[in-house]
Amino acid sequence: MTTIGRAIAICCLLSAVCAVSRAADIDVVGGPHEVVMQPGGKKEGKIILRNSSDAVQEVRVFQTDYMFRCDGTTLYDKPGTCHRSNCSWITFSPQQFSIPPEETLTVYYTIQTPRDDKLTGTYWSMLMVEPKPPPEPPAPASEDGKVTLGVRTVLRYGIQMVVHIGNTGKRDLKILDKRLSLVGGKRLLQLDIENTGERWLRPGIWAEVYDEKGAHVGRFQCNRTRIYPACSTRNCIDLSSLKAGKYQALVVVDNGDESVWGAQYALDIQ
């Protein structure tokens, strides 16, 4: 697998994806907060929280690091655990507050990058929004006098805080594993991809499939996923429409710029 060229990114403030996500009865307006900055730079922003319930909501906001693996593992470690954590660059206020029913509250944040010319690529962390659950009534005692225990769920919403240092950072990846699997009645080509570079990737992934005679059968795609450095994702290409037989698949991973990777695999569809 080879890298073709070097990526070119636009060095400007990138707009966040507009969305509304819910943690319990708190709506968080706005998606990942993503900016392009230089060492020693400063940017300010805000996060709007809305209480959609008919009761006062107690909320706290705190920081964690964020990593994920292709096996489904997701890590929310203490700030500074990840070597590309930007937790220490971010200050925010308020951190604990109440939101009256059907009202909003704004959390203001500041990102201050260190004056360090060695900074390169992408740095990130999470701001976690956690509503305080209402108190539960005491658990009733069972007939034999023992107290019944239950499980309580605490819902959180994580806001990704992403900083790219200019257009710096090597773009590179590695296909860790590939396999044909039958999942939910679908025949899937599963590709485990790790970002081995210094800047996040959001590649388009597809397979150009050819039969034994070399005739082009079709292009099969999967959804784009963002992959932070040292993280990995499992990407599934649906090949259910292929008839039984032997094929050649040219897998293309295209970051949407000048970074493109390719690999060729033989497929035996049973």
C-alpha atoms as a PDB file:
ATOM      1  CA  MET A   1       0.000   0.000   0.000  1.00  0.00           C
ATOM      2  CA  THR A   2       1.478   3.322  -1.028  1.00  0.00           C
ATOM      3  CA  THR A   3       0.648   6.954  -0.427  1.00  0.00           C
ATOM      4  CA  ILE A   4       0.162   9.112  -3.520  1.00  0.00           C
ATOM      5  CA  GLY A   5       1.223  12.680  -2.937  1.00  0.00           C
ATOM      6  CA  ARG A   6       0.658  14.867   0.117  1.00  0.00           C
ATOM      7  CA  ALA A   7      -2.660  16.278   1.217  1.00  0.00           C
ATOM      8  CA  ILE A   8      -3.596  19.942   0.852  1.00  0.00           C
ATOM      9  CA  ALA A   9      -6.042  21.364   3.403  1.00  0.00           C
ATOM     10  CA  ILE A  10      -7.701  24.765   3.601  1.00  0.00           C
ATOM     11  CA  CYS A  11      -6.134  26.799   6.415  1.00  0.00           C
ATOM     12  CA  CYS A  12      -9.150  28.565   7.855  1.00  0.00           C
ATOM     13  CA  LEU A  13     -11.764  28.255  10.555  1.00  0.00           C
ATOM     14  CA  LEU A  14     -13.925  25.277   9.682  1.00  0.00           C
ATOM     15  CA  SER A  15     -17.623  25.502  10.430  1.00  0.00           C
ATOM     16  CA  ALA A  16     -19.096  22.935  12.816  1.00  0.00           C
ATOM     17  CA  VAL A  17     -21.697  20.486  11.611  1.00  0.00           C
ATOM     18  CA  CYS A  18     -25.086  21.811  12.685  1.00  0.00           C
ATOM     19  CA  ALA A  19     -26.924  19.190  14.695  1.00  0.00           C
ATOM     20  CA  VAL A  20     -29.018  18.690  17.777  1.00  0.00           C
ATOM     21  CA  SER A  21     -28.092  15.801  20.069  1.00  0.00           C
ATOM     22  CA  ARG A  22     -29.743  14.817  23.305  1.00  0.00           C
ATOM     23  CA  ALA A  23     -28.359  13.701  26.652  1.00  0.00           C
ATOM     24  CA  ALA A  24     -31.402  12.934  28.833  1.00  0.00           C
ATOM     25  CA  ASP A  25     -33.539  16.122  28.519  1.00  0.00           C
ATOM     26  CA  ILE A  26     -30.633  18.363  27.492  1.00  0.00           C
ATOM     27  CA  ASP A  27     -30.212  19.218  23.813  1.00  0.00           C
ATOM     28  CA  VAL A  28     -26.690  20.132  22.666  1.00  0.00           C
ATOM     29  CA  VAL A  29     -26.841  22.334  19.574  1.00  0.00           C
ATOM     30  CA  GLY A  30     -23.849  21.953  17.263  1.00  0.00           C
ATOM     31  CA  GLY A  31     -21.527  19.132  16.199  1.00  0.00           C
ATOM     32  CA  PRO A  32     -17.753  18.762  16.503  1.00  0.00           C
ATOM     33  CA  HIS A  33     -15.976  22.085  17.078  1.00  0.00           C
ATOM     34  CA  GLU A  34     -13.123  22.044  14.573  1.00  0.00           C
ATOM     35  CA  VAL A  35     -10.625  24.843  13.963  1.00  0.00           C
ATOM     36  CA  VAL A  36      -7.356  25.387  12.127  1.00  0.00           C
ATOM     37  CA  MET A  37      -4.827  27.354  14.177  1.00  0.00           C
ATOM     38  CA  GLN A  38      -1.146  28.251  14.436  1.00  0.00           C
ATOM     39  CA  PRO A  39       1.128  27.813  17.478  1.00  0.00           C
ATOM     40  CA  GLY A  40       0.421  30.630  19.924  1.00  0.00           C
ATOM     41  CA  GLY A  41      -3.028  31.266  18.415  1.00  0.00           C
ATOM     42  CA  LYS A  42      -6.258  31.934  20.245  1.00  0.00           C
ATOM     43  CA  LYS A  43      -9.883  31.265  19.308  1.00  0.00           C
ATOM     44  CA  GLU A  44     -13.146  31.588  21.195  1.00  0.00           C
ATOM     45  CA  GLY A  45     -16.424  29.766  20.721  1.00  0.00           C
ATOM     46  CA  LYS A  46     -19.621  28.703  22.408  1.00  0.00           C
ATOM     47  CA  ILE A  47     -21.803  25.671  22.978  1.00  0.00           C
ATOM     48  CA  ILE A  48     -25.554  26.111  23.406  1.00  0.00           C
ATOM     49  CA  LEU A  49     -27.435  23.771  25.738  1.00  0.00           C
ATOM     50  CA  ARG A  50     -31.234  23.633  25.812  1.00  0.00           C
ATOM     51  CA  ASN A  51     -33.422  22.129  28.520  1.00  0.00           C
ATOM     52  CA  SER A  52     -36.322  20.509  26.668  1.00  0.00           C
ATOM     53  CA  SER A  53     -37.982  19.165  29.821  1.00  0.00           C
ATOM     54  CA  ASP A  54     -40.513  20.715  32.190  1.00  0.00           C
ATOM     55  CA  ALA A  55     -38.143  20.540  35.187  1.00  0.00           C
ATOM     56  CA  VAL A  56     -34.927  22.292  36.202  1.00  0.00           C
ATOM     57  CA  GLN A  57     -31.872  20.370  34.966  1.00  0.00           C
ATOM     58  CA  GLU A  58     -28.595  20.269  36.898  1.00  0.00           C
ATOM     59  CA  VAL A  59     -25.695  19.923  34.447  1.00  0.00           C
ATOM     60  CA  ARG A  60     -21.934  19.650  34.656  1.00  0.00           C
ATOM     61  CA  VAL A  61     -19.377  19.966  31.856  1.00  0.00           C
ATOM     62  CA  PHE A  62     -15.951  18.348  32.080  1.00  0.00           C
ATOM     63  CA  GLN A  63     -13.054  17.230  29.882  1.00  0.00           C
ATOM     64  CA  THR A  64     -11.800  13.818  28.806  1.00  0.00           C
ATOM     65  CA  ASP A  65      -9.441  12.461  26.203  1.00  0.00           C
ATOM     66  CA  TYR A  66     -10.896  10.354  23.386  1.00  0.00           C
ATOM     67  CA  MET A  67      -9.532   7.328  21.501  1.00  0.00           C
ATOM     68  CA  PHE A  68     -11.204   4.501  19.579  1.00  0.00           C
ATOM     69  CA  ARG A  69     -10.243   1.167  18.031  1.00  0.00           C
ATOM     70  CA  CYS A  70     -11.560  -0.928  15.166  1.00  0.00           C
ATOM     71  CA  ASP A  71     -12.694  -3.647  17.596  1.00  0.00           C
ATOM     72  CA  GLY A  72     -15.305  -1.249  19.003  1.00  0.00           C
ATOM     73  CA  THR A  73     -13.279  -0.123  22.023  1.00  0.00           C
ATOM     74  CA  THR A  74     -13.777   3.552  22.945  1.00  0.00           C
ATOM     75  CA  LEU A  75     -11.620   5.217  25.613  1.00  0.00           C
ATOM     76  CA  TYR A  76     -12.520   8.369  27.545  1.00  0.00           C
ATOM     77  CA  ASP A  77      -9.361   8.723  29.599  1.00  0.00           C
ATOM     78  CA  LYS A  78      -8.285  11.461  31.975  1.00  0.00           C
ATOM     79  CA  PRO A  79      -7.180  14.723  30.311  1.00  0.00           C
ATOM     80  CA  GLY A  80      -3.617  14.542  29.037  1.00  0.00           C
ATOM     81  CA  THR A  81      -3.492  10.737  28.741  1.00  0.00           C
ATOM     82  CA  CYS A  82      -3.385  10.811  24.932  1.00  0.00           C
ATOM     83  CA  HIS A  83      -0.149  12.302  23.541  1.00  0.00           C
ATOM     84  CA  ARG A  84      -2.256  14.409  21.134  1.00  0.00           C
ATOM     85  CA  SER A  85      -4.647  15.664  23.790  1.00  0.00           C
ATOM     86  CA  ASN A  86      -5.511  19.376  23.606  1.00  0.00           C
ATOM     87  CA  CYS A  87      -7.321  19.441  26.977  1.00  0.00           C
ATOM     88  CA  SER A  88      -4.740  21.778  28.498  1.00  0.00           C
ATOM     89  CA  TRP A  89      -5.305  24.276  25.665  1.00  0.00           C
ATOM     90  CA  ILE A  90      -9.016  24.689  26.437  1.00  0.00           C
ATOM     91  CA  THR A  91     -10.724  26.691  29.171  1.00  0.00           C
ATOM     92  CA  PHE A  92     -14.508  26.891  29.485  1.00  0.00           C
ATOM     93  CA  SER A  93     -17.188  28.364  31.702  1.00  0.00           C
ATOM     94  CA  PRO A  94     -19.509  27.666  33.421  1.00  0.00           C
ATOM     95  CA  GLN A  95     -18.655  24.118  34.448  1.00  0.00           C
ATOM     96  CA  GLN A  96     -21.643  23.400  36.690  1.00  0.00           C
ATOM     97  CA  PHE A  97     -25.042  25.058  36.448  1.00  0.00           C
ATOM     98  CA  SER A  98     -28.833  24.769  36.388  1.00  0.00           C
ATOM     99  CA  ILE A  99     -31.025  25.274  33.309  1.00  0.00           C
ATOM    100  CA  PRO A 100     -34.696  26.216  33.891  1.00  0.00           C
ATOM    101  CA  PRO A 101     -37.374  24.374  31.895  1.00  0.00           C
ATOM    102  CA  GLU A 102     -37.524  25.185  28.161  1.00  0.00           C
ATOM    103  CA  GLU A 103     -34.566  27.607  28.429  1.00  0.00           C
ATOM    104  CA  THR A 104     -31.012  27.641  27.074  1.00  0.00           C
ATOM    105  CA  LEU A 105     -27.578  28.221  28.535  1.00  0.00           C
ATOM    106  CA  THR A 106     -24.339  29.019  26.715  1.00  0.00           C
ATOM    107  CA  VAL A 107     -20.988  27.499  27.633  1.00  0.00           C
ATOM    108  CA  TYR A 108     -18.153  29.724  26.407  1.00  0.00           C
ATOM    109  CA  TYR A 109     -14.736  28.279  25.635  1.00  0.00           C
ATOM    110  CA  THR A 110     -11.299  29.552  24.663  1.00  0.00           C
ATOM    111  CA  ILE A 111      -8.620  27.581  22.816  1.00  0.00           C
ATOM    112  CA  GLN A 112      -5.058  28.841  23.327  1.00  0.00           C
ATOM    113  CA  THR A 113      -2.400  26.841  21.474  1.00  0.00           C
ATOM    114  CA  PRO A 114       1.121  26.741  22.973  1.00  0.00           C
ATOM    115  CA  ARG A 115       3.919  28.767  21.367  1.00  0.00           C
ATOM    116  CA  ASP A 116       5.701  25.632  20.208  1.00  0.00           C
ATOM    117  CA  ASP A 117       6.954  25.320  16.634  1.00  0.00           C
ATOM    118  CA  LYS A 118       7.129  21.532  17.066  1.00  0.00           C
ATOM    119  CA  LEU A 119       3.336  21.254  17.082  1.00  0.00           C
ATOM    120  CA  THR A 120       2.154  19.438  13.972  1.00  0.00           C
ATOM    121  CA  GLY A 121      -1.015  17.746  12.744  1.00  0.00           C
ATOM    122  CA  THR A 122      -4.255  17.230  14.671  1.00  0.00           C
ATOM    123  CA  TYR A 123      -4.936  17.503  18.417  1.00  0.00           C
ATOM    124  CA  TRP A 124      -8.295  16.757  20.042  1.00  0.00           C
ATOM    125  CA  SER A 125     -10.284  16.023  23.185  1.00  0.00           C
ATOM    126  CA  MET A 126     -13.884  15.887  24.412  1.00  0.00           C
ATOM    127  CA  LEU A 127     -16.122  18.194  26.405  1.00  0.00           C
ATOM    128  CA  MET A 128     -18.616  15.949  28.180  1.00  0.00           C
ATOM    129  CA  VAL A 129     -22.088  17.273  29.052  1.00  0.00           C
ATOM    130  CA  GLU A 130     -23.662  15.300  31.891  1.00  0.00           C
ATOM    131  CA  PRO A 131     -27.113  16.094  33.331  1.00  0.00           C
ATOM    132  CA  LYS A 132     -27.552  15.099  36.960  1.00  0.00           C
ATOM    133  CA  PRO A 133     -30.233  12.401  37.201  1.00  0.00           C
ATOM    134  CA  PRO A 134     -33.145  13.111  39.569  1.00  0.00           C
ATOM    135  CA  PRO A 135     -33.017  11.370  42.958  1.00  0.00           C
ATOM    136  CA  GLU A 136     -34.586   7.941  43.020  1.00  0.00           C
ATOM    137  CA  PRO A 137     -36.921   6.790  45.769  1.00  0.00           C
ATOM    138  CA  PRO A 138     -35.520   4.231  48.237  1.00  0.00           C
ATOM    139  CA  ALA A 139     -35.578   0.704  46.898  1.00  0.00           C
ATOM    140  CA  PRO A 140     -38.382  -1.347  48.461  1.00  0.00           C
ATOM    141  CA  ALA A 141     -37.416  -4.252  50.648  1.00  0.00           C
ATOM    142  CA  SER A 142     -38.241  -7.728  49.413  1.00  0.00           C
ATOM    143  CA  GLU A 143     -40.394 -10.163  51.385  1.00  0.00           C
ATOM    144  CA  ASP A 144     -37.343 -11.699  53.076  1.00  0.00           C
ATOM    145  CA  GLY A 145     -36.238  -8.254  54.288  1.00  0.00           C
ATOM    146  CA  LYS A 146     -33.434  -7.774  51.769  1.00  0.00           C
ATOM    147  CA  VAL A 147     -33.139  -4.525  49.786  1.00  0.00           C
ATOM    148  CA  THR A 148     -33.572  -4.830  46.034  1.00  0.00           C
ATOM    149  CA  LEU A 149     -30.665  -3.372  44.043  1.00  0.00           C
ATOM    150  CA  GLY A 150     -31.060  -1.725  40.647  1.00  0.00           C
ATOM    151  CA  VAL A 151     -28.893  -0.278  37.891  1.00  0.00           C
ATOM    152  CA  ARG A 152     -28.959   3.456  37.165  1.00  0.00           C
ATOM    153  CA  THR A 153     -27.971   4.840  33.762  1.00  0.00           C
ATOM    154  CA  VAL A 154     -26.152   8.167  33.432  1.00  0.00           C
ATOM    155  CA  LEU A 155     -26.370   9.723  29.960  1.00  0.00           C
ATOM    156  CA  ARG A 156     -23.575  11.955  28.647  1.00  0.00           C
ATOM    157  CA  TYR A 157     -23.051  13.813  25.408  1.00  0.00           C
ATOM    158  CA  GLY A 158     -19.491  14.230  24.121  1.00  0.00           C
ATOM    159  CA  ILE A 159     -18.495  17.255  22.023  1.00  0.00           C
ATOM    160  CA  GLN A 160     -15.312  16.708  20.014  1.00  0.00           C
ATOM    161  CA  MET A 161     -12.903  19.651  20.250  1.00  0.00           C
ATOM    162  CA  VAL A 162     -10.525  19.426  17.285  1.00  0.00           C
ATOM    163  CA  VAL A 163      -7.523  21.636  16.477  1.00  0.00           C
ATOM    164  CA  HIS A 164      -5.472  21.296  13.291  1.00  0.00           C
ATOM    165  CA  ILE A 165      -2.106  23.060  13.279  1.00  0.00           C
ATOM    166  CA  GLY A 166      -2.148  24.875   9.941  1.00  0.00           C
ATOM    167  CA  ASN A 167      -1.698  22.451   7.062  1.00  0.00           C
ATOM    168  CA  THR A 168       0.949  20.440   8.905  1.00  0.00           C
ATOM    169  CA  GLY A 169       1.050  16.761   9.734  1.00  0.00           C
ATOM    170  CA  LYS A 170       1.857  13.627   7.771  1.00  0.00           C
ATOM    171  CA  ARG A 171      -1.145  11.798   6.279  1.00  0.00           C
ATOM    172  CA  ASP A 172      -0.728   8.040   6.334  1.00  0.00           C
ATOM    173  CA  LEU A 173      -2.697   4.893   7.113  1.00  0.00           C
ATOM    174  CA  LYS A 174      -2.398   1.149   7.341  1.00  0.00           C
ATOM    175  CA  ILE A 175      -4.891  -1.613   6.580  1.00  0.00           C
ATOM    176  CA  LEU A 176      -4.582  -3.783   9.683  1.00  0.00           C
ATOM    177  CA  ASP A 177      -6.865  -6.593   8.558  1.00  0.00           C
ATOM    178  CA  LYS A 178      -9.275  -7.586   5.808  1.00  0.00           C
ATOM    179  CA  ARG A 179     -11.900 -10.308   5.728  1.00  0.00           C
ATOM    180  CA  LEU A 180     -15.121 -11.432   4.077  1.00  0.00           C
ATOM    181  CA  SER A 181     -17.842 -11.838   6.698  1.00  0.00           C
ATOM    182  CA  LEU A 182     -21.518 -12.681   6.750  1.00  0.00           C
ATOM    183  CA  VAL A 183     -23.196 -10.161   9.063  1.00  0.00           C
ATOM    184  CA  GLY A 184     -26.962  -9.829   9.404  1.00  0.00           C
ATOM    185  CA  GLY A 185     -27.486 -11.764   6.177  1.00  0.00           C
ATOM    186  CA  LYS A 186     -25.119  -9.449   4.245  1.00  0.00           C
ATOM    187  CA  ARG A 187     -21.793 -10.390   2.671  1.00  0.00           C
ATOM    188  CA  LEU A 188     -19.337  -7.712   3.807  1.00  0.00           C
ATOM    189  CA  LEU A 189     -15.739  -6.943   2.973  1.00  0.00           C
ATOM    190  CA  GLN A 190     -14.458  -5.664   6.318  1.00  0.00           C
ATOM    191  CA  LEU A 191     -11.380  -3.442   6.363  1.00  0.00           C
ATOM    192  CA  ASP A 192      -9.736  -2.441   9.642  1.00  0.00           C
ATOM    193  CA  ILE A 193      -7.889   0.822   8.970  1.00  0.00           C
ATOM    194  CA  GLU A 194      -5.492   2.620  11.325  1.00  0.00           C
ATOM    195  CA  ASN A 195      -4.375   6.239  10.999  1.00  0.00           C
ATOM    196  CA  THR A 196      -0.581   5.991  11.294  1.00  0.00           C
ATOM    197  CA  GLY A 197      -0.029   9.660  10.465  1.00  0.00           C
ATOM    198  CA  GLU A 198      -0.186  12.924  12.404  1.00  0.00           C
ATOM    199  CA  ARG A 199      -3.373  14.472  11.030  1.00  0.00           C
ATOM    200  CA  TRP A 200      -6.935  13.172  11.080  1.00  0.00           C
ATOM    201  CA  LEU A 201      -8.324  11.475   7.980  1.00  0.00           C
ATOM    202  CA  ARG A 202     -11.871  11.327   6.648  1.00  0.00           C
ATOM    203  CA  PRO A 203     -11.475   9.061   3.637  1.00  0.00           C
ATOM    204  CA  GLY A 204     -13.939   7.783   1.121  1.00  0.00           C
ATOM    205  CA  ILE A 205     -13.517   4.011   0.764  1.00  0.00           C
ATOM    206  CA  TRP A 206     -14.683   1.855  -2.119  1.00  0.00           C
ATOM    207  CA  ALA A 207     -13.870  -1.305  -4.063  1.00  0.00           C
ATOM    208  CA  GLU A 208     -13.713  -1.612  -7.853  1.00  0.00           C
ATOM    209  CA  VAL A 209     -14.612  -5.269  -8.451  1.00  0.00           C
ATOM    210  CA  TYR A 210     -13.687  -7.334 -11.545  1.00  0.00           C
ATOM    211  CA  ASP A 211     -14.674 -10.889 -12.455  1.00  0.00           C
ATOM    212  CA  GLU A 212     -12.326 -13.711 -13.532  1.00  0.00           C
ATOM    213  CA  LYS A 213     -12.366 -12.442 -17.132  1.00  0.00           C
ATOM    214  CA  GLY A 214     -11.338  -8.938 -16.071  1.00  0.00           C
ATOM    215  CA  ALA A 215     -14.746  -7.394 -16.716  1.00  0.00           C
ATOM    216  CA  HIS A 216     -15.709  -4.587 -14.381  1.00  0.00           C
ATOM    217  CA  VAL A 217     -18.603  -5.713 -12.163  1.00  0.00           C
ATOM    218  CA  GLY A 218     -19.171  -2.497 -10.230  1.00  0.00           C
ATOM    219  CA  ARG A 219     -18.071  -0.033  -7.610  1.00  0.00           C
ATOM    220  CA  PHE A 220     -19.061  -0.772  -4.010  1.00  0.00           C
ATOM    221  CA  GLN A 221     -18.727   1.953  -1.358  1.00  0.00           C
ATOM    222  CA  CYS A 222     -19.005   2.407   2.379  1.00  0.00           C
ATOM    223  CA  ASN A 223     -19.677   5.456   4.523  1.00  0.00           C
ATOM    224  CA  ARG A 224     -16.944   7.966   5.353  1.00  0.00           C
ATOM    225  CA  THR A 225     -15.555   7.865   8.883  1.00  0.00           C
ATOM    226  CA  ARG A 226     -13.132  10.233  10.590  1.00  0.00           C
ATOM    227  CA  ILE A 227      -9.990   8.575  11.932  1.00  0.00           C
ATOM    228  CA  TYR A 228      -7.758  10.400  14.414  1.00  0.00           C
ATOM    229  CA  PRO A 229      -4.022   9.624  14.570  1.00  0.00           C
ATOM    230  CA  ALA A 230      -3.299   6.320  16.375  1.00  0.00           C
ATOM    231  CA  CYS A 231      -7.017   5.414  16.144  1.00  0.00           C
ATOM    232  CA  SER A 232      -8.601   2.794  13.896  1.00  0.00           C
ATOM    233  CA  THR A 233     -12.014   2.015  12.418  1.00  0.00           C
ATOM    234  CA  ARG A 234     -13.791  -0.990  10.920  1.00  0.00           C
ATOM    235  CA  ASN A 235     -15.165  -0.165   7.479  1.00  0.00           C
ATOM    236  CA  CYS A 236     -17.662  -2.468   5.778  1.00  0.00           C
ATOM    237  CA  ILE A 237     -18.277  -2.695   2.027  1.00  0.00           C
ATOM    238  CA  ASP A 238     -21.496  -4.526   1.141  1.00  0.00           C
ATOM    239  CA  LEU A 239     -20.862  -7.155  -1.569  1.00  0.00           C
ATOM    240  CA  SER A 240     -24.168  -8.997  -1.112  1.00  0.00           C
ATOM    241  CA  SER A 241     -25.160  -8.463  -4.745  1.00  0.00           C
ATOM    242  CA  LEU A 242     -22.174 -10.426  -6.080  1.00  0.00           C
ATOM    243  CA  LYS A 243     -22.878 -13.938  -7.334  1.00  0.00           C
ATOM    244  CA  ALA A 244     -20.746 -16.856  -6.193  1.00  0.00           C
ATOM    245  CA  GLY A 245     -17.362 -16.871  -7.894  1.00  0.00           C
ATOM    246  CA  LYS A 246     -13.832 -15.503  -7.858  1.00  0.00           C
ATOM    247  CA  TYR A 247     -13.153 -11.771  -8.170  1.00  0.00           C
ATOM    248  CA  GLN A 248     -10.404  -9.192  -7.953  1.00  0.00           C
ATOM    249  CA  ALA A 249     -11.084  -6.094  -5.864  1.00  0.00           C
ATOM    250  CA  LEU A 250      -9.114  -2.855  -6.112  1.00  0.00           C
ATOM    251  CA  VAL A 251      -9.748  -1.101  -2.796  1.00  0.00           C
ATOM    252  CA  VAL A 252      -9.300   2.675  -2.899  1.00  0.00           C
ATOM    253  CA  VAL A 253      -8.997   4.889   0.186  1.00  0.00           C
ATOM    254  CA  ASP A 254      -9.278   8.527  -0.907  1.00  0.00           C
ATOM    255  CA  ASN A 255      -8.940  11.334   1.636  1.00  0.00           C
ATOM    256  CA  GLY A 256     -10.509  13.825  -0.780  1.00  0.00           C
ATOM    257  CA  ASP A 257      -7.222  15.647  -1.403  1.00  0.00           C
ATOM    258  CA  GLU A 258      -3.873  14.440  -2.727  1.00  0.00           C
ATOM    259  CA  SER A 259      -3.659  11.528  -0.275  1.00  0.00           C
ATOM    260  CA  VAL A 260      -4.872   8.320  -1.909  1.00  0.00           C
ATOM    261  CA  TRP A 261      -4.102   4.722  -0.987  1.00  0.00           C
ATOM    262  CA  GLY A 262      -4.823   1.519  -2.880  1.00  0.00           C
ATOM    263  CA  ALA A 263      -4.686  -2.247  -2.315  1.00  0.00           C
ATOM    264  CA  GLN A 264      -5.709  -5.232  -4.444  1.00  0.00           C
ATOM    265  CA  TYR A 265      -7.347  -8.370  -3.039  1.00  0.00           C
ATOM    266  CA  ALA A 266      -8.599 -11.667  -4.446  1.00  0.00           C
ATOM    267  CA  LEU A 267     -12.145 -12.502  -3.366  1.00  0.00           C
ATOM    268  CA  ASP A 268     -13.751 -15.926  -3.318  1.00  0.00           C
ATOM    269  CA  ILE A 269     -17.509 -15.534  -2.885  1.00  0.00           C
ATOM    270  CA  GLN A 270     -19.067 -18.827  -1.788  1.00  0.00           C
END
